[in-house]
Amino acid sequence: MGISTSALFWTGVAPLQEISINDAQTRLISRMTNRNMGRNLAEECTRINN
């Protein structure tokens, strides 16, 4: 009984938790990437203009 209950708990709850963590991580990574791309672009423009 205890085993099946914990199995239900883990199969029901853990994936949802993992999805939200992965989603937040993906959002953070894309935000960092966009910021870095913007910085690189600004540096490139400055280099070209000077």
Protein backbone atom coordinates (compact mmCIF):
# COMPACT_ATOMS: atom_id res chain seq x y z
CA MET A 1 0.00 0.00 0.00
CA GLY A 2 2.73 2.43 0.98
CA ILE A 3 4.72 1.67 -2.17
CA SER A 4 1.83 2.25 -4.58
CA THR A 5 0.88 5.49 -2.82
CA SER A 6 4.41 6.88 -3.06
CA ALA A 7 4.62 5.74 -6.69
CA LEU A 8 1.42 7.63 -7.45
CA PHE A 9 2.77 10.65 -5.59
CA TRP A 10 6.04 10.69 -7.51
CA THR A 11 4.54 10.04 -10.94
CA GLY A 12 1.90 12.73 -10.33
CA VAL A 13 3.94 15.48 -8.70
CA ALA A 14 7.61 15.23 -9.71
CA PRO A 15 7.15 15.67 -13.49
CA LEU A 16 5.09 18.85 -12.98
CA GLN A 17 7.80 20.20 -10.69
CA GLU A 18 10.51 19.29 -13.21
CA ILE A 19 8.60 20.95 -16.06
CA SER A 20 8.25 24.23 -14.16
CA ILE A 21 11.95 24.16 -13.17
CA ASN A 22 13.00 23.44 -16.76
CA ASP A 23 10.70 26.18 -18.04
CA ALA A 24 12.16 28.75 -15.63
CA GLN A 25 15.69 27.62 -16.49
CA THR A 26 15.00 27.88 -20.23
CA ARG A 27 13.53 31.35 -19.79
CA LEU A 28 16.55 32.46 -17.74
CA ILE A 29 19.02 31.03 -20.28
CA SER A 30 17.26 32.70 -23.22
CA ARG A 31 17.19 36.01 -21.35
CA MET A 32 20.94 35.74 -20.66
CA THR A 33 21.62 34.78 -24.28
CA ASN A 34 19.60 37.73 -25.58
CA ARG A 35 21.45 40.08 -23.25
CA ASN A 36 24.82 38.74 -24.41
CA MET A 37 23.81 39.00 -28.06
CA GLY A 38 22.73 42.60 -27.52
CA ARG A 39 26.02 43.42 -25.82
CA ASN A 40 28.03 41.79 -28.60
CA LEU A 41 26.03 43.69 -31.20
CA ALA A 42 26.61 47.00 -29.38
CA GLU A 43 30.35 46.28 -29.12
CA GLU A 44 30.47 45.41 -32.81
CA CYS A 45 28.69 48.65 -33.77
CA THR A 46 31.07 50.66 -31.58
CA ARG A 47 34.05 48.93 -33.18
CA ILE A 48 32.77 49.64 -36.70
CA ASN A 49 31.96 53.28 -35.93
CA ASN A 50 35.37 53.93 -34.36
